[in-house]
N, C-alpha and C. Protein backbone atom coordinates (compact mmCIF):
# COMPACT_ATOMS: atom_id res chain seq x y z
N MET A 1 60.49 138.66 76.00
CA MET A 1 61.47 138.22 76.98
C MET A 1 62.87 138.46 76.42
N PRO A 2 63.71 139.20 77.15
CA PRO A 2 65.05 139.49 76.64
C PRO A 2 65.95 138.26 76.68
N VAL A 3 66.81 138.15 75.70
CA VAL A 3 67.75 137.04 75.62
C VAL A 3 69.01 137.33 76.43
N THR A 4 69.42 138.57 76.45
CA THR A 4 70.62 138.96 77.16
C THR A 4 70.38 138.92 78.67
N LYS A 5 71.32 138.32 79.37
CA LYS A 5 71.22 138.23 80.83
C LYS A 5 71.91 139.44 81.44
N TYR A 6 71.48 139.83 82.61
CA TYR A 6 72.05 140.98 83.29
C TYR A 6 73.19 140.59 84.24
N TYR A 7 73.70 139.39 84.08
CA TYR A 7 74.81 138.92 84.91
C TYR A 7 76.03 139.78 84.62
N PRO A 8 76.80 140.22 85.53
CA PRO A 8 76.88 139.91 86.95
C PRO A 8 76.07 140.83 87.84
N PHE A 9 75.25 141.68 87.25
CA PHE A 9 74.47 142.63 88.05
C PHE A 9 73.29 141.97 88.75
N GLU A 10 72.82 140.87 88.20
CA GLU A 10 71.79 140.06 88.84
C GLU A 10 72.37 138.67 89.04
N PRO A 11 72.15 138.07 90.20
CA PRO A 11 72.74 136.75 90.45
C PRO A 11 72.18 135.69 89.50
N GLU A 12 73.06 134.83 89.06
CA GLU A 12 72.68 133.73 88.17
C GLU A 12 72.58 132.46 89.00
N GLN A 13 71.53 131.70 88.79
CA GLN A 13 71.33 130.44 89.52
C GLN A 13 71.93 129.29 88.74
N ALA A 14 72.69 128.46 89.41
CA ALA A 14 73.26 127.26 88.79
C ALA A 14 72.20 126.17 88.78
N PRO A 15 72.22 125.28 87.79
CA PRO A 15 71.27 124.17 87.78
C PRO A 15 71.52 123.25 88.98
N PRO A 16 70.52 122.51 89.44
CA PRO A 16 70.67 121.67 90.64
C PRO A 16 71.79 120.64 90.55
N GLU A 17 72.07 120.13 89.37
CA GLU A 17 73.10 119.10 89.21
C GLU A 17 74.51 119.68 89.05
N TYR A 18 74.63 121.00 89.10
CA TYR A 18 75.92 121.66 88.91
C TYR A 18 76.87 121.33 90.05
N ARG A 19 78.10 121.00 89.69
CA ARG A 19 79.14 120.74 90.69
C ARG A 19 79.97 122.01 90.85
N GLY A 20 79.74 122.70 91.95
CA GLY A 20 80.41 123.98 92.18
C GLY A 20 81.64 123.87 93.04
N ILE A 21 81.95 124.96 93.68
CA ILE A 21 83.15 125.07 94.51
C ILE A 21 83.00 124.17 95.75
N PRO A 22 84.00 123.33 96.04
CA PRO A 22 83.92 122.49 97.24
C PRO A 22 84.17 123.30 98.51
N GLU A 23 83.57 122.84 99.59
CA GLU A 23 83.86 123.43 100.89
C GLU A 23 84.00 122.31 101.91
N ILE A 24 84.86 122.55 102.90
CA ILE A 24 85.14 121.56 103.93
C ILE A 24 84.52 122.03 105.24
N ASP A 25 83.76 121.14 105.88
CA ASP A 25 83.20 121.45 107.20
C ASP A 25 84.25 121.07 108.25
N PRO A 26 84.87 122.05 108.89
CA PRO A 26 85.93 121.74 109.85
C PRO A 26 85.47 120.94 111.06
N ARG A 27 84.16 120.95 111.34
CA ARG A 27 83.65 120.17 112.48
C ARG A 27 83.60 118.68 112.16
N LEU A 28 83.46 118.33 110.87
CA LEU A 28 83.35 116.93 110.47
C LEU A 28 84.67 116.32 110.00
N CYS A 29 85.59 117.14 109.55
CA CYS A 29 86.86 116.64 109.00
C CYS A 29 87.70 116.00 110.11
N VAL A 30 88.15 114.76 109.86
CA VAL A 30 89.02 114.07 110.82
C VAL A 30 90.48 114.11 110.36
N GLY A 31 90.72 114.62 109.17
CA GLY A 31 92.09 114.75 108.67
C GLY A 31 92.69 113.46 108.16
N CYS A 32 91.86 112.55 107.66
CA CYS A 32 92.36 111.25 107.21
C CYS A 32 93.17 111.34 105.92
N GLY A 33 92.88 112.33 105.08
CA GLY A 33 93.62 112.50 103.84
C GLY A 33 93.07 111.73 102.66
N ALA A 34 91.90 111.10 102.80
CA ALA A 34 91.31 110.36 101.68
C ALA A 34 91.06 111.30 100.50
N CYS A 35 90.61 112.51 100.79
CA CYS A 35 90.34 113.49 99.74
C CYS A 35 91.63 113.87 99.02
N VAL A 36 92.72 113.98 99.76
CA VAL A 36 94.02 114.34 99.19
C VAL A 36 94.46 113.27 98.21
N ASN A 37 94.31 112.01 98.59
CA ASN A 37 94.71 110.90 97.71
C ASN A 37 93.85 110.82 96.46
N ALA A 38 92.59 111.24 96.55
CA ALA A 38 91.67 111.12 95.42
C ALA A 38 91.69 112.30 94.47
N CYS A 39 92.29 113.41 94.84
CA CYS A 39 92.22 114.65 94.06
C CYS A 39 93.19 114.62 92.87
N PRO A 40 92.66 114.54 91.63
CA PRO A 40 93.55 114.47 90.45
C PRO A 40 94.43 115.71 90.24
N PRO A 41 93.93 116.94 90.40
CA PRO A 41 94.80 118.10 90.13
C PRO A 41 95.59 118.59 91.35
N ASP A 42 95.57 117.82 92.44
CA ASP A 42 96.25 118.22 93.68
C ASP A 42 95.75 119.56 94.21
N ALA A 43 94.45 119.76 94.13
CA ALA A 43 93.84 120.95 94.72
C ALA A 43 93.79 120.80 96.24
N LEU A 44 93.84 119.56 96.71
CA LEU A 44 93.88 119.27 98.14
C LEU A 44 95.25 118.70 98.47
N ILE A 45 95.89 119.26 99.49
CA ILE A 45 97.17 118.72 99.94
C ILE A 45 97.15 118.56 101.46
N LYS A 46 97.99 117.65 101.93
CA LYS A 46 98.09 117.38 103.37
C LYS A 46 99.50 117.76 103.80
N ILE A 47 99.59 118.57 104.85
CA ILE A 47 100.89 119.01 105.37
C ILE A 47 100.97 118.62 106.85
N ASP A 48 101.88 117.69 107.16
CA ASP A 48 102.09 117.28 108.55
C ASP A 48 103.31 118.01 109.11
N ASP A 49 103.15 118.59 110.28
CA ASP A 49 104.24 119.25 110.99
C ASP A 49 104.45 118.48 112.29
N TYR A 50 105.47 117.61 112.29
CA TYR A 50 105.72 116.75 113.45
C TYR A 50 106.37 117.51 114.60
N GLU A 51 106.87 118.70 114.36
CA GLU A 51 107.42 119.53 115.44
C GLU A 51 106.29 120.17 116.24
N LYS A 52 105.31 120.74 115.54
CA LYS A 52 104.18 121.40 116.20
C LYS A 52 103.05 120.42 116.52
N GLY A 53 103.06 119.26 115.87
CA GLY A 53 102.00 118.28 116.09
C GLY A 53 100.70 118.65 115.41
N THR A 54 100.80 119.17 114.19
CA THR A 54 99.60 119.58 113.46
C THR A 54 99.55 118.95 112.07
N ARG A 55 98.35 118.79 111.58
CA ARG A 55 98.11 118.38 110.20
C ARG A 55 97.21 119.43 109.57
N LYS A 56 97.62 119.91 108.42
CA LYS A 56 96.80 120.87 107.68
C LYS A 56 96.29 120.20 106.42
N ILE A 57 95.00 120.32 106.19
CA ILE A 57 94.39 119.94 104.92
C ILE A 57 94.13 121.26 104.21
N VAL A 58 94.77 121.45 103.06
CA VAL A 58 94.70 122.72 102.34
C VAL A 58 93.95 122.51 101.03
N LEU A 59 92.89 123.29 100.82
CA LEU A 59 92.10 123.25 99.59
C LEU A 59 92.38 124.51 98.80
N ASP A 60 92.93 124.35 97.59
CA ASP A 60 93.18 125.48 96.69
C ASP A 60 92.11 125.45 95.61
N ILE A 61 91.11 126.29 95.75
CA ILE A 61 89.96 126.31 94.84
C ILE A 61 90.39 126.65 93.41
N GLY A 62 91.47 127.41 93.27
CA GLY A 62 91.97 127.77 91.94
C GLY A 62 92.46 126.57 91.14
N ARG A 63 92.85 125.50 91.80
CA ARG A 63 93.32 124.28 91.12
C ARG A 63 92.21 123.26 90.92
N CYS A 64 91.10 123.42 91.62
CA CYS A 64 90.01 122.43 91.61
C CYS A 64 89.33 122.36 90.24
N ILE A 65 89.09 121.13 89.77
CA ILE A 65 88.39 120.92 88.49
C ILE A 65 86.94 120.47 88.69
N ARG A 66 86.46 120.50 89.93
CA ARG A 66 85.07 120.18 90.27
C ARG A 66 84.68 118.74 89.87
N CYS A 67 85.59 117.81 90.04
CA CYS A 67 85.32 116.42 89.65
C CYS A 67 84.50 115.67 90.71
N ALA A 68 84.47 116.16 91.92
CA ALA A 68 83.70 115.60 93.05
C ALA A 68 84.30 114.31 93.62
N ARG A 69 85.52 113.97 93.26
CA ARG A 69 86.15 112.77 93.84
C ARG A 69 86.33 112.92 95.34
N CYS A 70 86.68 114.12 95.79
CA CYS A 70 86.88 114.37 97.22
C CYS A 70 85.59 114.13 98.00
N GLU A 71 84.49 114.59 97.44
CA GLU A 71 83.19 114.42 98.08
C GLU A 71 82.80 112.94 98.15
N GLU A 72 83.12 112.20 97.09
CA GLU A 72 82.79 110.77 97.02
C GLU A 72 83.55 109.94 98.04
N VAL A 73 84.82 110.27 98.28
CA VAL A 73 85.65 109.42 99.14
C VAL A 73 85.68 109.85 100.60
N CYS A 74 85.19 111.03 100.92
CA CYS A 74 85.25 111.51 102.31
C CYS A 74 84.40 110.62 103.22
N PRO A 75 85.01 109.93 104.20
CA PRO A 75 84.26 109.00 105.04
C PRO A 75 83.32 109.68 106.04
N THR A 76 83.52 110.96 106.30
CA THR A 76 82.68 111.65 107.28
C THR A 76 81.69 112.63 106.66
N GLY A 77 81.76 112.81 105.34
CA GLY A 77 80.88 113.77 104.68
C GLY A 77 81.29 115.22 104.92
N ALA A 78 82.56 115.44 105.24
CA ALA A 78 83.04 116.79 105.56
C ALA A 78 83.18 117.67 104.32
N ILE A 79 83.36 117.05 103.15
CA ILE A 79 83.51 117.83 101.92
C ILE A 79 82.25 117.70 101.08
N ARG A 80 81.77 118.83 100.63
CA ARG A 80 80.63 118.80 99.71
C ARG A 80 80.81 119.90 98.67
N LEU A 81 80.33 119.61 97.47
CA LEU A 81 80.38 120.60 96.41
C LEU A 81 79.15 121.49 96.52
N THR A 82 79.36 122.78 96.49
CA THR A 82 78.28 123.75 96.64
C THR A 82 77.70 124.10 95.27
N GLN A 83 76.71 124.94 95.25
CA GLN A 83 76.15 125.46 94.00
C GLN A 83 76.88 126.72 93.55
N GLU A 84 77.81 127.18 94.36
CA GLU A 84 78.55 128.40 94.06
C GLU A 84 79.53 128.17 92.91
N PHE A 85 79.58 129.09 91.97
CA PHE A 85 80.49 128.93 90.84
C PHE A 85 81.40 130.13 90.61
N GLU A 86 81.13 131.25 91.25
CA GLU A 86 81.95 132.44 91.06
C GLU A 86 83.19 132.36 91.93
N ALA A 87 84.33 132.16 91.28
CA ALA A 87 85.58 132.01 92.03
C ALA A 87 86.58 133.11 91.71
N ALA A 88 86.22 134.05 90.86
CA ALA A 88 87.15 135.11 90.46
C ALA A 88 87.42 136.04 91.63
N SER A 89 88.70 136.36 91.81
CA SER A 89 89.09 137.25 92.90
C SER A 89 90.49 137.80 92.63
N ASP A 90 90.75 139.00 93.12
CA ASP A 90 92.09 139.58 93.03
C ASP A 90 92.99 139.02 94.13
N ASP A 91 92.40 138.52 95.18
CA ASP A 91 93.13 138.03 96.35
C ASP A 91 93.28 136.51 96.27
N ARG A 92 94.50 136.04 95.98
CA ARG A 92 94.75 134.59 95.84
C ARG A 92 94.44 133.83 97.13
N SER A 93 94.65 134.45 98.28
CA SER A 93 94.41 133.77 99.55
C SER A 93 92.93 133.47 99.77
N SER A 94 92.05 134.17 99.07
CA SER A 94 90.61 133.89 99.20
C SER A 94 90.23 132.57 98.53
N HIS A 95 91.15 132.01 97.74
CA HIS A 95 90.92 130.73 97.06
C HIS A 95 91.43 129.55 97.87
N VAL A 96 92.01 129.81 99.02
CA VAL A 96 92.62 128.75 99.81
C VAL A 96 91.88 128.59 101.14
N GLU A 97 91.50 127.34 101.42
CA GLU A 97 90.85 127.00 102.68
C GLU A 97 91.76 126.04 103.44
N VAL A 98 92.01 126.32 104.71
CA VAL A 98 92.92 125.50 105.51
C VAL A 98 92.19 124.97 106.74
N ILE A 99 92.27 123.65 106.92
CA ILE A 99 91.74 122.99 108.11
C ILE A 99 92.96 122.49 108.89
N GLU A 100 93.08 122.89 110.14
CA GLU A 100 94.22 122.46 110.96
C GLU A 100 93.73 121.56 112.09
N LEU A 101 94.38 120.40 112.22
CA LEU A 101 94.02 119.42 113.23
C LEU A 101 95.26 119.01 114.02
N ARG A 102 95.03 118.51 115.24
CA ARG A 102 96.12 118.04 116.09
C ARG A 102 96.47 116.60 115.75
N LEU A 103 97.76 116.32 115.64
CA LEU A 103 98.21 114.94 115.47
C LEU A 103 98.18 114.26 116.83
N ALA A 104 97.88 112.96 116.83
CA ALA A 104 97.87 112.19 118.08
C ALA A 104 99.31 111.91 118.51
N LYS A 105 99.52 111.84 119.82
CA LYS A 105 100.85 111.52 120.35
C LYS A 105 100.94 110.03 120.63
N CYS A 106 102.10 109.48 120.35
CA CYS A 106 102.36 108.07 120.61
C CYS A 106 102.49 107.84 122.11
N ARG A 107 101.80 106.81 122.61
CA ARG A 107 101.90 106.47 124.03
C ARG A 107 103.23 105.84 124.37
N GLY A 108 103.91 105.29 123.36
CA GLY A 108 105.18 104.63 123.61
C GLY A 108 106.35 105.57 123.72
N CYS A 109 106.55 106.41 122.70
CA CYS A 109 107.74 107.27 122.66
C CYS A 109 107.43 108.75 122.84
N GLY A 110 106.17 109.14 122.77
CA GLY A 110 105.80 110.54 122.97
C GLY A 110 105.87 111.40 121.72
N LYS A 111 106.32 110.82 120.59
CA LYS A 111 106.38 111.58 119.35
C LYS A 111 105.00 111.61 118.70
N TYR A 112 104.85 112.50 117.73
CA TYR A 112 103.56 112.58 117.03
C TYR A 112 103.44 111.45 116.01
N THR A 113 102.22 110.95 115.86
CA THR A 113 101.93 109.84 114.96
C THR A 113 101.54 110.35 113.57
N ASP A 114 101.18 109.42 112.69
CA ASP A 114 100.76 109.76 111.33
C ASP A 114 99.26 109.98 111.23
N TYR A 115 98.56 110.07 112.33
CA TYR A 115 97.11 110.28 112.29
C TYR A 115 96.72 111.31 113.34
N THR A 116 95.52 111.85 113.16
CA THR A 116 95.06 112.93 114.04
C THR A 116 94.32 112.38 115.25
N GLU A 117 94.16 113.25 116.25
CA GLU A 117 93.40 112.87 117.44
C GLU A 117 91.95 112.54 117.06
N ARG A 118 91.40 113.29 116.10
CA ARG A 118 90.02 113.03 115.67
C ARG A 118 89.89 111.68 114.98
N GLN A 119 90.91 111.29 114.20
CA GLN A 119 90.88 109.97 113.58
C GLN A 119 90.85 108.88 114.64
N LEU A 120 91.68 109.03 115.65
CA LEU A 120 91.75 108.06 116.74
C LEU A 120 90.40 107.96 117.45
N GLN A 121 89.80 109.11 117.76
CA GLN A 121 88.49 109.12 118.42
C GLN A 121 87.43 108.46 117.55
N LYS A 122 87.48 108.73 116.25
CA LYS A 122 86.49 108.16 115.32
C LYS A 122 86.62 106.63 115.28
N VAL A 123 87.84 106.14 115.19
CA VAL A 123 88.06 104.69 115.14
C VAL A 123 87.60 104.04 116.43
N LEU A 124 87.96 104.62 117.57
CA LEU A 124 87.55 104.05 118.85
C LEU A 124 86.03 104.05 119.01
N SER A 125 85.36 105.07 118.49
CA SER A 125 83.90 105.12 118.59
C SER A 125 83.22 104.10 117.68
N MET A 126 83.93 103.63 116.66
CA MET A 126 83.35 102.66 115.72
C MET A 126 83.48 101.22 116.20
N ILE A 127 84.33 100.96 117.18
CA ILE A 127 84.51 99.60 117.68
C ILE A 127 83.33 99.27 118.59
N PRO A 128 82.56 98.23 118.23
CA PRO A 128 81.40 97.90 119.06
C PRO A 128 81.80 97.37 120.43
N PRO A 129 81.02 97.69 121.46
CA PRO A 129 81.33 97.19 122.80
C PRO A 129 81.17 95.67 122.87
N GLY A 130 81.90 95.06 123.78
CA GLY A 130 81.78 93.62 123.98
C GLY A 130 82.74 92.79 123.15
N ILE A 131 83.60 93.43 122.40
CA ILE A 131 84.59 92.69 121.61
C ILE A 131 85.72 92.28 122.55
N VAL A 132 86.09 91.00 122.49
CA VAL A 132 87.11 90.45 123.38
C VAL A 132 88.46 91.14 123.18
N GLU A 133 88.81 91.43 121.93
CA GLU A 133 90.11 92.00 121.62
C GLU A 133 90.16 93.53 121.78
N PHE A 134 89.10 94.13 122.30
CA PHE A 134 89.02 95.60 122.36
C PHE A 134 90.19 96.21 123.12
N ASP A 135 90.56 95.62 124.24
CA ASP A 135 91.66 96.18 125.04
C ASP A 135 92.98 96.12 124.29
N ARG A 136 93.21 95.04 123.54
CA ARG A 136 94.45 94.93 122.77
C ARG A 136 94.47 95.95 121.64
N VAL A 137 93.32 96.17 121.01
CA VAL A 137 93.22 97.17 119.94
C VAL A 137 93.45 98.55 120.52
N ARG A 138 92.81 98.82 121.63
CA ARG A 138 92.93 100.13 122.29
C ARG A 138 94.38 100.38 122.72
N GLU A 139 95.09 99.32 123.08
CA GLU A 139 96.48 99.43 123.49
C GLU A 139 97.39 99.82 122.32
N LYS A 140 97.10 99.30 121.13
CA LYS A 140 97.96 99.53 119.97
C LYS A 140 97.61 100.79 119.18
N LEU A 141 96.37 101.25 119.25
CA LEU A 141 95.96 102.38 118.42
C LEU A 141 96.78 103.65 118.63
N PRO A 142 97.00 104.10 119.85
CA PRO A 142 97.73 105.37 119.98
C PRO A 142 99.25 105.23 119.90
N LEU A 143 99.74 104.35 119.05
CA LEU A 143 101.19 104.17 118.90
C LEU A 143 101.64 104.60 117.50
N CYS A 144 102.87 105.09 117.41
CA CYS A 144 103.44 105.42 116.10
C CYS A 144 103.85 104.11 115.42
N ARG A 145 104.23 104.19 114.17
CA ARG A 145 104.59 102.99 113.41
C ARG A 145 105.77 102.25 114.04
N LYS A 146 106.76 103.01 114.48
CA LYS A 146 107.96 102.40 115.07
C LYS A 146 107.60 101.63 116.34
N CYS A 147 106.79 102.22 117.20
CA CYS A 147 106.42 101.56 118.45
C CYS A 147 105.49 100.37 118.19
N LYS A 148 104.63 100.45 117.17
CA LYS A 148 103.77 99.31 116.83
C LYS A 148 104.63 98.13 116.38
N ARG A 149 105.65 98.42 115.57
CA ARG A 149 106.55 97.35 115.12
C ARG A 149 107.29 96.74 116.30
N LEU A 150 107.76 97.59 117.19
CA LEU A 150 108.47 97.11 118.38
C LEU A 150 107.55 96.24 119.24
N LEU A 151 106.31 96.68 119.44
CA LEU A 151 105.35 95.91 120.22
C LEU A 151 105.05 94.56 119.55
N THR A 152 104.96 94.56 118.23
CA THR A 152 104.72 93.32 117.50
C THR A 152 105.87 92.35 117.70
N VAL A 153 107.09 92.84 117.64
CA VAL A 153 108.27 91.98 117.85
C VAL A 153 108.28 91.44 119.28
N VAL A 154 107.99 92.30 120.25
CA VAL A 154 107.96 91.87 121.65
C VAL A 154 106.90 90.79 121.85
N ASN A 155 105.70 91.01 121.30
CA ASN A 155 104.62 90.03 121.43
C ASN A 155 104.96 88.72 120.72
N ALA A 156 105.60 88.81 119.55
CA ALA A 156 105.99 87.61 118.82
C ALA A 156 107.04 86.83 119.61
N THR A 157 107.96 87.54 120.23
CA THR A 157 108.99 86.89 121.04
C THR A 157 108.37 86.20 122.25
N LYS A 158 107.43 86.88 122.92
CA LYS A 158 106.73 86.28 124.06
C LYS A 158 105.98 85.03 123.63
N PHE A 159 105.31 85.11 122.48
CA PHE A 159 104.54 83.97 121.98
C PHE A 159 105.47 82.80 121.68
N GLU A 160 106.61 83.09 121.08
CA GLU A 160 107.58 82.05 120.76
C GLU A 160 108.10 81.38 122.03
N GLU A 161 108.36 82.17 123.06
CA GLU A 161 108.84 81.63 124.33
C GLU A 161 107.77 80.77 124.99
N GLU A 162 106.51 81.19 124.91
CA GLU A 162 105.41 80.41 125.47
C GLU A 162 105.24 79.09 124.75
N MET A 163 105.47 79.09 123.46
CA MET A 163 105.33 77.86 122.66
C MET A 163 106.43 76.86 123.00
N ARG A 164 107.58 77.34 123.40
CA ARG A 164 108.69 76.46 123.75
C ARG A 164 108.45 75.77 125.09
N GLU A 165 107.72 76.45 125.98
CA GLU A 165 107.49 75.90 127.33
C GLU A 165 106.51 74.79 127.34
């Protein structure tokens, strides 16, 4: 049995426990940014464009250290580490994966919020039916931070006036 391997002419198999190149499933990603916050080498970044109403999650495989923190924290299972380990390429753009999502619009002022439409849908789908406060939650969810604060002040003022009566 020869000791020398014929790699790269014959494919080499990685062991099952090998943490390879991460990949993002664009169908599952909601754009929450948990992976971005957990990534030590900043291989994942989040870019919000409030003019266009988009959020980009950008994965730079060249910066990735295969620590699997992104996979651990992803609430939807959109990121997984593959068995693939060959990342060498002359084309730097082949090392970059971009997921683009729509930001949700605020119902109050019409500006884009800090979360995506998919995040909003995911949260609404997680609220069990029959909750008394559901309508109030549903009313506040599609608001930007400024409008939420304004609504809180308005509600606090109404409550204070009711308490005086």
